[in-house]
Amino acid sequence: MDRSALDAAHAAAVRYLESAGERPVGSSTTVEDMRAALGGPLPEDGEAAAQVVAELARRADPGIVATAGPRFFGFVIGGSLPAAVGADWLTSAWDQNAGKLLGLPAGTGVGFVTGGQMANTTCLAAARQAVLARAGWDVAVRGLWAAPRVTVLAGEEAHVTVYGALRLLGMGDASVTKVAVDGQGRIDPQSLRTALHAVTGPAIVCAQAGNVNTGAFDRLDEIVEAARERNAWVHVDGAFGLWAAGSARHRHLIKGVERADSWATDAHKWLNVPYDSGLAFVRDTAAHRAAMLRTAAYLQPAEPDKGRDNYEWTPEFSRRARGFPVYAALRSLGRKGVEAMVDRCCDHARLFARLLGSAPGVTIANEVVLNQVLVRFERTGMDGDGWTREVISRIQRDAICWASGTVWKGRALLRISVSNWSTTEDDVRRSVAAMLAAHER
C-alpha cells in the first residue's frame, strides 16, 4: 500500500494542531480567495494522492478558523483530545459500518448519532412512540394521521434543535406550549404544573440542562414531579450541561436528572471529541427500539443476549463507528480527568466574568453557574446594542480570540463559551485583554 497520502495528512494535521495555540483564531482570507485557491478546472489526469492531500492542506490553511485552539469561545464546542483525534483517524481507516458494531450492556437504550439535533430527534421519537402507545395508538405502524394530539411543553428558551426535532417528527412548532421562564431562562415549575393540568391528551415535557446563553439549568426534580402527576414523558436537552454530572462541584445543578425518561447530549461539546458524536439515551428501551427499528431479509440480527444491532437504536443504517473517539476520550481522561476539565472550564468562565465585569462600561448579564458568560459593552452617547456589536466585530477581526454575539432578552450581547480542554488561565487573560482593547480604543 502507498502510505504517502496518509503520511502527508499526518504531517499537515500535526503542524496545524501544534500551531493552534498561537495562530490567529479567525480566518485570514476571504471567500473569494478561498474559491480561487481551491477552485479551477478538474485536471484531465489524476494527481498523486500525497500531492492532493499536501496541496489541500496548504491551500485551505488561510481559511481555517482555529476552533480547536484554546481561545475559541464562540460556540459551546470543545477542541479534540489527542486520543480522540487518533481514534477518529482509526475510525476512518477501519471504515466500519457501525450499524452492526460494538455491543453495549443489555437494557441500555443508547444511540450514537450525528449531534445534538439528532440526539433530541431520536429521544423525542421514542417519547412520541411511548405517549401515543399509552393512548392506544402505535405510531410506528399507523403514523400520525388521525392519531391523538401530542402536546409538547417546553420553556420559552428551549433550544432550536427541539423545534427542529418536532418538525422532523411531524408534530411541528404548533405542538409546543411555551412555559414561562425566570430571569436566567429556567422553566418556572408552577407555570409548568398549571400548563400540564390544562392538557387533556398525551404530553411530553422538554427540560433543559444548560441554557445555551446563560448556562442555567431547569429545576429538574420539580419538573419531573409535575410531569409525573400527568403521566407525561420528560426529555432533558443536555447538549453540554449533562457533563456537569462528572463534577462533584457542579453535580447539584442536575439534581433529579436521573428521574427523567430521555436525555440528549453531544460529546463533541464538553467531552472534546471530533464532530459527529451525539448521544441519545432513553429509559424505555422498548419505546426507543420501536421508534427506530427497521428490518429486512438481508439483515442478520444479533442473537438475543449476545449483543445488539446499533442500527435499531438510531435513525441511520450506514454510519461511522462513532463510539471509538468517545471511548478513547473517556479512557484517556478517566473520571478524574473529566471532572477536572469541567471544573477548569467553569473556573475560566468565572475568571472571564470577574475580569470583564470589573472594567468600566462592561456588564455581565447572567449568573455564571457553568461555562457560559454574557457580556454587554456600553459607551456614553452610543446605542448599547450597536456598540456591543461593534466590539464583537473588532474582537473577531483582531483574531486573538473568537467569541460570538447573541441576543438575549432583547439585548445584543457577547457570548463566551468555555469548553476547550486546552484553554489555560493565560488564554483567558490574553482574551480579556483583547476584548477590553476592542472596547476601549
Protein backbone atom coordinates (compact mmCIF):
# COMPACT_ATOMS: atom_id res chain seq x y z
CA MET A 1 0.00 0.00 0.00
CA ASP A 2 1.19 3.53 -0.82
CA ARG A 3 1.15 5.32 2.53
CA SER A 4 2.37 8.68 1.23
CA ALA A 5 -1.09 10.29 1.37
CA LEU A 6 -1.55 9.18 4.98
CA ASP A 7 1.91 10.49 5.87
CA ALA A 8 1.07 13.83 4.24
CA ALA A 9 -2.22 14.04 6.15
CA HIS A 10 -0.46 13.19 9.42
CA ALA A 11 2.22 15.82 8.87
CA ALA A 12 -0.34 18.51 7.99
CA ALA A 13 -2.55 17.65 10.95
CA VAL A 14 0.36 17.75 13.40
CA ARG A 15 1.51 21.12 12.02
CA TYR A 16 -1.97 22.54 12.47
CA LEU A 17 -2.53 21.19 15.97
CA GLU A 18 0.91 22.29 17.16
CA SER A 19 0.25 25.82 15.88
CA ALA A 20 -3.35 26.08 17.14
CA GLY A 21 -2.36 27.76 20.39
CA GLU A 22 -0.59 30.67 18.69
CA ARG A 23 -2.14 31.08 15.27
CA PRO A 24 -4.79 33.78 14.70
CA VAL A 25 -8.14 32.39 15.78
CA GLY A 26 -10.13 33.88 12.90
CA SER A 27 -9.76 33.30 9.19
CA SER A 28 -7.07 35.38 7.47
CA THR A 29 -8.57 35.34 3.99
CA THR A 30 -11.77 35.94 2.05
CA VAL A 31 -14.31 33.62 0.46
CA GLU A 32 -13.19 34.80 -2.97
CA ASP A 33 -9.56 33.97 -2.19
CA MET A 34 -10.54 30.51 -0.96
CA ARG A 35 -12.55 29.87 -4.12
CA ALA A 36 -9.55 30.87 -6.18
CA ALA A 37 -7.20 28.69 -4.12
CA LEU A 38 -9.38 25.58 -4.16
CA GLY A 39 -11.25 26.06 -7.43
CA GLY A 40 -10.21 25.77 -11.04
CA PRO A 41 -10.81 23.17 -13.73
CA LEU A 42 -10.68 19.48 -12.89
CA PRO A 43 -7.39 18.00 -14.20
CA GLU A 44 -7.63 15.61 -17.14
CA ASP A 45 -5.36 13.12 -15.41
CA GLY A 46 -5.47 12.20 -11.75
CA GLU A 47 -2.85 13.60 -9.39
CA ALA A 48 -0.77 11.69 -6.87
CA ALA A 49 -2.68 11.15 -3.62
CA ALA A 50 0.08 12.61 -1.44
CA GLN A 51 0.22 15.70 -3.62
CA VAL A 52 -3.57 16.16 -3.39
CA VAL A 53 -3.50 15.97 0.41
CA ALA A 54 -0.48 18.24 0.80
CA GLU A 55 -1.90 20.83 -1.60
CA LEU A 56 -5.30 20.72 0.11
CA ALA A 57 -3.66 21.41 3.47
CA ARG A 58 -1.58 24.28 2.06
CA ARG A 59 -4.38 25.95 0.13
CA ALA A 60 -7.04 25.57 2.82
CA ASP A 61 -4.83 26.76 5.69
CA PRO A 62 -5.55 30.53 5.35
CA GLY A 63 -9.28 29.87 5.69
CA ILE A 64 -9.06 27.62 8.74
CA VAL A 65 -10.53 29.09 11.93
CA ALA A 66 -8.68 27.77 14.97
CA THR A 67 -11.77 26.29 16.59
CA ALA A 68 -9.57 23.55 18.04
CA GLY A 69 -7.40 26.14 19.79
CA PRO A 70 -7.58 27.39 23.38
CA ARG A 71 -9.02 30.86 22.66
CA PHE A 72 -12.09 29.94 20.63
CA PHE A 73 -15.14 30.77 22.76
CA GLY A 74 -17.70 31.29 20.01
CA PHE A 75 -19.94 28.28 20.46
CA VAL A 76 -20.34 25.55 23.04
CA ILE A 77 -17.86 23.22 21.39
CA GLY A 78 -14.64 21.71 22.60
CA GLY A 79 -11.45 21.05 20.70
CA SER A 80 -10.46 17.43 20.25
CA LEU A 81 -8.39 15.50 22.73
CA PRO A 82 -5.32 13.83 21.15
CA ALA A 83 -6.64 10.36 21.99
CA ALA A 84 -9.99 11.20 20.40
CA VAL A 85 -8.33 12.52 17.23
CA GLY A 86 -6.21 9.38 16.98
CA ALA A 87 -9.25 7.17 17.43
CA ASP A 88 -11.13 9.20 14.85
CA TRP A 89 -8.32 8.61 12.35
CA LEU A 90 -8.55 4.89 13.06
CA THR A 91 -12.32 5.03 12.63
CA SER A 92 -11.83 6.40 9.11
CA ALA A 93 -9.11 3.89 8.31
CA TRP A 94 -11.09 0.90 9.58
CA ASP A 95 -14.17 2.15 7.65
CA GLN A 96 -16.60 0.02 9.62
CA ASN A 97 -20.34 0.33 9.17
CA ALA A 98 -21.36 0.88 12.78
CA GLY A 99 -24.91 -0.17 12.14
CA LYS A 100 -23.74 -3.59 13.40
CA LEU A 101 -20.70 -2.87 15.60
CA LEU A 102 -19.90 -2.52 19.34
CA GLY A 103 -22.03 -4.35 21.87
CA LEU A 104 -23.38 -2.37 24.84
CA PRO A 105 -24.77 -3.62 28.16
CA ALA A 106 -28.14 -5.27 27.81
CA GLY A 107 -31.03 -2.98 28.69
CA THR A 108 -29.27 0.26 27.74
CA GLY A 109 -31.27 2.45 25.40
CA VAL A 110 -28.47 4.44 23.79
CA GLY A 111 -27.76 5.59 20.27
CA PHE A 112 -24.68 7.29 18.82
CA VAL A 113 -25.96 9.93 16.40
CA THR A 114 -24.58 12.90 14.47
CA GLY A 115 -25.02 15.59 17.10
CA GLY A 116 -27.44 17.38 19.41
CA GLN A 117 -30.11 17.77 16.72
CA MET A 118 -30.41 14.06 16.03
CA ALA A 119 -30.00 13.17 19.70
CA ASN A 120 -33.08 15.27 20.50
CA THR A 121 -34.87 13.83 17.48
CA THR A 122 -34.15 10.24 18.48
CA CYS A 123 -35.24 10.80 22.08
CA LEU A 124 -38.41 12.63 21.09
CA ALA A 125 -39.24 9.89 18.57
CA ALA A 126 -39.14 7.42 21.47
CA ALA A 127 -41.23 9.84 23.57
CA ARG A 128 -43.83 10.13 20.80
CA GLN A 129 -43.91 6.34 20.49
CA ALA A 130 -44.43 5.86 24.23
CA VAL A 131 -47.04 8.53 24.99
CA LEU A 132 -49.16 7.56 21.98
CA ALA A 133 -48.89 3.89 22.95
CA ARG A 134 -50.34 4.82 26.35
CA ALA A 135 -53.26 6.34 24.45
CA GLY A 136 -53.72 3.10 22.45
CA TRP A 137 -52.03 4.28 19.25
CA ASP A 138 -48.98 2.62 17.62
CA VAL A 139 -47.43 5.47 15.67
CA ALA A 140 -44.71 3.26 14.17
CA VAL A 141 -47.42 1.24 12.41
CA ARG A 142 -50.27 3.72 11.95
CA GLY A 143 -48.43 7.01 11.53
CA LEU A 144 -49.74 10.34 12.80
CA TRP A 145 -52.87 10.72 10.64
CA ALA A 146 -55.85 10.53 12.99
CA ALA A 147 -53.56 9.96 15.96
CA PRO A 148 -54.34 11.63 19.30
CA ARG A 149 -52.77 15.07 19.52
CA VAL A 150 -49.49 15.15 21.44
CA THR A 151 -48.79 18.33 23.39
CA VAL A 152 -45.16 19.28 23.96
CA LEU A 153 -44.42 21.62 26.85
CA ALA A 154 -41.12 23.49 26.70
CA GLY A 155 -39.61 26.58 28.25
CA GLU A 156 -39.71 29.86 26.35
CA GLU A 157 -35.96 29.47 25.82
CA ALA A 158 -35.93 25.87 24.59
CA HIS A 159 -33.12 25.25 22.11
CA VAL A 160 -33.90 25.45 18.41
CA THR A 161 -32.98 21.77 17.92
CA VAL A 162 -36.05 20.80 19.97
CA TYR A 163 -38.23 22.55 17.41
CA GLY A 164 -36.18 21.03 14.60
CA ALA A 165 -36.82 17.58 16.03
CA LEU A 166 -40.57 18.17 16.32
CA ARG A 167 -40.71 19.26 12.68
CA LEU A 168 -38.88 16.13 11.57
CA LEU A 169 -41.25 14.03 13.66
CA GLY A 170 -44.35 15.52 12.06
CA MET A 171 -45.54 17.41 15.16
CA GLY A 172 -44.37 20.90 14.23
CA ASP A 173 -43.90 24.14 16.13
CA ALA A 174 -47.63 24.41 16.88
CA SER A 175 -47.46 21.31 19.07
CA VAL A 176 -45.45 23.29 21.63
CA THR A 177 -47.00 25.02 24.62
CA LYS A 178 -44.42 27.53 25.80
CA VAL A 179 -43.92 27.69 29.55
CA ALA A 180 -42.77 30.83 31.37
CA VAL A 181 -39.13 31.02 32.47
CA ASP A 182 -37.31 33.01 35.12
CA GLY A 183 -34.65 35.67 34.66
CA GLN A 184 -31.99 33.10 33.75
CA GLY A 185 -34.13 31.08 31.33
CA ARG A 186 -35.19 28.31 33.73
CA ILE A 187 -38.70 26.86 33.44
CA ASP A 188 -40.99 28.02 36.24
CA PRO A 189 -42.20 24.73 37.80
CA GLN A 190 -45.55 26.17 38.94
CA SER A 191 -46.27 27.52 35.46
CA LEU A 192 -45.44 24.07 34.09
CA ARG A 193 -47.79 22.40 36.55
CA THR A 194 -50.60 24.76 35.57
CA ALA A 195 -49.97 24.18 31.85
CA LEU A 196 -49.86 20.40 32.30
CA HIS A 197 -53.22 20.33 34.05
CA ALA A 198 -54.74 22.14 31.07
CA VAL A 199 -53.61 19.32 28.74
CA THR A 200 -56.08 16.50 28.15
CA GLY A 201 -54.11 14.14 25.88
CA PRO A 202 -50.60 12.67 25.63
CA ALA A 203 -47.88 15.07 26.80
CA ILE A 204 -44.10 15.44 26.56
CA VAL A 205 -42.13 17.89 28.70
CA CYS A 206 -38.82 19.18 27.31
CA ALA A 207 -36.48 20.39 30.05
CA GLN A 208 -33.05 21.92 29.68
CA ALA A 209 -29.73 21.14 31.35
CA GLY A 210 -27.61 24.12 30.37
CA ASN A 211 -29.27 27.12 28.72
CA VAL A 212 -27.30 27.93 25.57
CA ASN A 213 -27.00 31.58 26.58
CA THR A 214 -26.81 31.65 30.38
CA GLY A 215 -25.79 28.07 31.17
CA ALA A 216 -28.70 27.84 33.66
CA PHE A 217 -30.39 24.52 34.47
CA ASP A 218 -34.10 23.86 34.81
CA ARG A 219 -35.14 22.60 38.26
CA LEU A 220 -35.28 19.04 37.04
CA ASP A 221 -36.51 17.41 40.26
CA GLU A 222 -39.53 19.76 40.41
CA ILE A 223 -40.19 19.38 36.70
CA VAL A 224 -40.22 15.60 36.88
CA GLU A 225 -42.55 15.75 39.89
CA ALA A 226 -45.01 17.94 38.00
CA ALA A 227 -44.84 15.71 34.91
CA ARG A 228 -45.46 12.53 36.88
CA GLU A 229 -48.77 13.96 38.12
CA ARG A 230 -49.92 13.94 34.48
CA ASN A 231 -48.10 10.80 33.32
CA ALA A 232 -46.08 12.98 30.93
CA TRP A 233 -42.76 11.99 29.42
CA VAL A 234 -39.78 14.12 30.49
CA HIS A 235 -36.97 14.70 27.99
CA VAL A 236 -33.81 16.57 29.01
CA ASP A 237 -31.89 18.51 26.37
CA GLY A 238 -28.41 18.46 27.91
CA ALA A 239 -26.22 19.05 24.86
CA PHE A 240 -23.40 20.35 27.04
CA GLY A 241 -24.87 20.68 30.53
CA LEU A 242 -25.23 16.96 31.22
CA TRP A 243 -21.44 16.79 31.55
CA ALA A 244 -21.85 18.66 34.85
CA ALA A 245 -22.68 15.21 36.22
CA GLY A 246 -18.97 14.44 36.07
CA SER A 247 -18.11 17.19 38.59
CA ALA A 248 -18.74 16.95 42.32
CA ARG A 249 -18.78 20.76 42.45
CA HIS A 250 -21.42 21.15 39.75
CA ARG A 251 -23.48 17.95 40.05
CA HIS A 252 -26.09 19.71 42.17
CA LEU A 253 -27.20 21.57 39.04
CA ILE A 254 -28.70 18.41 37.58
CA LYS A 255 -30.48 17.21 40.72
CA GLY A 256 -33.32 14.93 39.64
CA VAL A 257 -31.98 14.30 36.14
CA GLU A 258 -31.92 10.54 36.71
CA ARG A 259 -35.72 10.54 37.07
CA ALA A 260 -36.31 11.78 33.51
CA ASP A 261 -37.26 9.49 30.63
CA SER A 262 -34.73 10.53 27.98
CA TRP A 263 -31.59 12.61 27.70
CA ALA A 264 -29.71 14.11 24.74
CA THR A 265 -26.11 15.26 24.80
CA ASP A 266 -23.20 15.89 22.44
CA ALA A 267 -19.75 14.50 23.18
CA HIS A 268 -18.28 16.99 20.70
CA LYS A 269 -19.00 19.73 23.16
CA TRP A 270 -17.59 19.13 26.61
CA LEU A 271 -16.03 15.71 26.14
CA ASN A 272 -13.87 17.29 23.41
CA VAL A 273 -14.09 14.64 20.71
CA PRO A 274 -14.41 15.39 16.96
CA TYR A 275 -17.76 16.28 15.38
CA ASP A 276 -20.38 13.58 14.69
CA SER A 277 -20.68 12.44 18.30
CA GLY A 278 -24.23 12.98 19.57
CA LEU A 279 -25.67 10.65 22.21
CA ALA A 280 -29.33 9.76 22.72
CA PHE A 281 -30.33 7.93 25.91
CA VAL A 282 -33.81 6.52 26.56
CA ARG A 283 -35.04 4.82 29.73
CA ASP A 284 -37.87 2.95 27.98
CA THR A 285 -35.81 0.71 25.72
CA ALA A 286 -38.92 -0.82 24.15
CA ALA A 287 -40.15 2.59 23.02
CA HIS A 288 -36.66 3.57 21.85
CA ARG A 289 -36.25 0.46 19.73
CA ALA A 290 -39.82 0.58 18.40
CA ALA A 291 -39.31 4.17 17.23
CA MET A 292 -36.09 3.36 15.34
CA LEU A 293 -36.45 -0.30 14.31
CA ARG A 294 -36.44 -1.24 10.62
CA THR A 295 -35.76 -4.71 9.31
CA ALA A 296 -35.15 -6.51 6.04
CA ALA A 297 -34.48 -10.07 4.96
CA TYR A 298 -30.83 -9.37 4.16
CA LEU A 299 -30.09 -8.06 7.67
CA GLN A 300 -28.85 -10.63 10.14
CA PRO A 301 -29.92 -9.55 13.63
CA ALA A 302 -27.77 -10.29 16.64
CA GLU A 303 -28.77 -13.26 18.74
CA PRO A 304 -30.66 -12.36 21.92
CA ASP A 305 -28.35 -11.71 24.89
CA LYS A 306 -25.30 -11.77 22.58
CA GLY A 307 -25.06 -8.12 21.64
CA ARG A 308 -27.18 -5.57 19.85
CA ASP A 309 -27.53 -4.09 16.40
CA ASN A 310 -26.89 -0.38 16.64
CA TYR A 311 -28.97 0.50 13.58
CA GLU A 312 -32.02 -0.44 15.66
CA TRP A 313 -31.38 2.50 18.02
CA THR A 314 -30.52 5.37 15.64
CA PRO A 315 -32.05 6.99 12.56
CA GLU A 316 -29.23 5.83 10.25
CA PHE A 317 -28.29 2.46 8.82
CA SER A 318 -24.84 3.26 7.45
CA ARG A 319 -22.67 5.48 9.62
CA ARG A 320 -19.24 5.91 11.13
CA ALA A 321 -18.27 3.98 14.24
CA ARG A 322 -18.86 6.99 16.46
CA GLY A 323 -18.16 5.14 19.67
CA PHE A 324 -14.41 4.86 19.14
CA PRO A 325 -13.46 8.53 19.74
CA VAL A 326 -15.82 8.70 22.74
CA TYR A 327 -14.27 5.55 24.17
CA ALA A 328 -10.75 6.90 23.62
CA ALA A 329 -11.56 10.27 25.20
CA LEU A 330 -13.05 8.67 28.30
CA ARG A 331 -10.16 6.24 28.65
CA SER A 332 -7.57 8.98 28.24
CA LEU A 333 -9.24 11.31 30.76
CA GLY A 334 -10.63 8.90 33.33
CA ARG A 335 -13.26 10.03 35.83
CA LYS A 336 -10.88 12.50 37.48
CA GLY A 337 -9.87 13.96 34.14
CA VAL A 338 -13.48 14.59 33.08
CA GLU A 339 -14.16 16.26 36.43
CA ALA A 340 -11.02 18.39 36.21
CA MET A 341 -11.86 19.51 32.67
CA VAL A 342 -15.41 20.54 33.60
CA ASP A 343 -14.26 22.36 36.72
CA ARG A 344 -11.41 24.09 34.89
CA CYS A 345 -13.71 25.42 32.18
CA CYS A 346 -16.18 26.69 34.78
CA ASP A 347 -13.35 28.38 36.70
CA HIS A 348 -12.21 30.04 33.49
CA ALA A 349 -15.75 31.28 32.83
CA ARG A 350 -15.89 32.84 36.28
CA LEU A 351 -12.49 34.44 35.69
CA PHE A 352 -13.78 35.94 32.43
CA ALA A 353 -16.78 37.34 34.30
CA ARG A 354 -14.68 38.78 37.13
CA LEU A 355 -12.09 40.45 34.90
CA LEU A 356 -14.52 41.80 32.31
CA GLY A 357 -17.17 42.79 34.85
CA SER A 358 -14.72 44.98 36.75
CA ALA A 359 -13.92 47.11 33.68
CA PRO A 360 -15.71 50.43 33.06
CA GLY A 361 -18.63 50.17 30.66
CA VAL A 362 -18.76 46.36 30.82
CA THR A 363 -21.60 44.40 32.43
CA ILE A 364 -22.01 40.66 32.96
CA ALA A 365 -25.63 39.89 32.07
CA ASN A 366 -26.05 36.38 33.51
CA GLU A 367 -25.42 34.39 36.64
CA VAL A 368 -22.27 32.45 35.76
CA VAL A 369 -23.18 28.99 37.07
CA LEU A 370 -21.36 26.92 34.46
CA ASN A 371 -19.24 27.75 31.41
CA GLN A 372 -21.33 30.49 29.76
CA VAL A 373 -20.73 34.25 30.12
CA LEU A 374 -22.88 37.01 28.61
CA VAL A 375 -21.20 40.41 28.27
CA ARG A 376 -22.63 43.84 27.48
CA PHE A 377 -20.47 46.76 26.37
CA GLU A 378 -21.66 50.34 26.89
CA ARG A 379 -20.20 53.67 25.75
CA THR A 380 -21.53 57.10 26.68
CA GLY A 381 -23.60 58.65 23.92
CA MET A 382 -23.84 55.43 21.90
CA ASP A 383 -26.52 52.79 21.47
CA GLY A 384 -25.64 49.81 23.66
CA ASP A 385 -26.70 47.22 21.08
CA GLY A 386 -24.76 48.93 18.33
CA TRP A 387 -21.64 49.35 20.43
CA THR A 388 -21.71 45.76 21.68
CA ARG A 389 -21.96 44.53 18.09
CA GLU A 390 -19.09 46.79 17.08
CA VAL A 391 -16.90 45.44 19.89
CA ILE A 392 -17.76 41.86 18.86
CA SER A 393 -16.81 42.65 15.27
CA ARG A 394 -13.50 44.14 16.41
CA ILE A 395 -12.72 41.11 18.60
CA GLN A 396 -13.35 38.76 15.70
CA ARG A 397 -11.26 40.84 13.29
CA ASP A 398 -8.35 41.04 15.73
CA ALA A 399 -8.40 37.19 15.86
CA ILE A 400 -6.54 36.95 19.17
CA CYS A 401 -9.62 35.10 20.38
CA TRP A 402 -13.05 34.42 18.92
CA ALA A 403 -16.42 34.77 20.60
CA SER A 404 -19.87 35.09 19.12
CA GLY A 405 -22.69 37.53 19.53
CA THR A 406 -26.19 36.68 20.69
CA VAL A 407 -29.46 38.38 21.51
CA TRP A 408 -30.92 37.61 24.92
CA LYS A 409 -33.93 39.34 26.44
CA GLY A 410 -33.89 41.76 23.55
CA ARG A 411 -30.30 42.94 24.08
CA ALA A 412 -27.21 42.36 21.97
CA LEU A 413 -24.53 40.56 23.97
CA LEU A 414 -21.15 38.91 23.56
CA ARG A 415 -21.40 35.21 24.44
CA ILE A 416 -18.34 33.41 25.79
CA SER A 417 -18.49 29.62 25.90
CA VAL A 418 -15.54 27.97 27.65
CA SER A 419 -15.42 24.28 26.78
CA ASN A 420 -11.99 23.54 25.28
CA TRP A 421 -9.74 21.12 27.16
CA SER A 422 -6.60 23.10 26.27
CA THR A 423 -7.70 26.57 27.44
CA THR A 424 -5.44 27.94 30.19
CA GLU A 425 -5.72 30.86 32.58
CA ASP A 426 -3.20 32.68 30.40
CA ASP A 427 -5.51 32.22 27.40
CA VAL A 428 -8.34 33.76 29.41
CA ARG A 429 -6.25 36.77 30.43
CA ARG A 430 -4.97 37.30 26.86
CA SER A 431 -8.53 37.12 25.59
CA VAL A 432 -9.83 39.54 28.21
CA ALA A 433 -7.07 42.00 27.29
CA ALA A 434 -8.05 41.73 23.61
CA MET A 435 -11.76 42.21 24.41
CA LEU A 436 -11.13 45.26 26.56
CA ALA A 437 -8.77 46.73 23.97
CA ALA A 438 -11.54 46.39 21.38
CA HIS A 439 -13.92 48.12 23.77
CA GLU A 440 -11.59 50.93 24.83
CA ARG A 441 -9.89 52.03 21.61
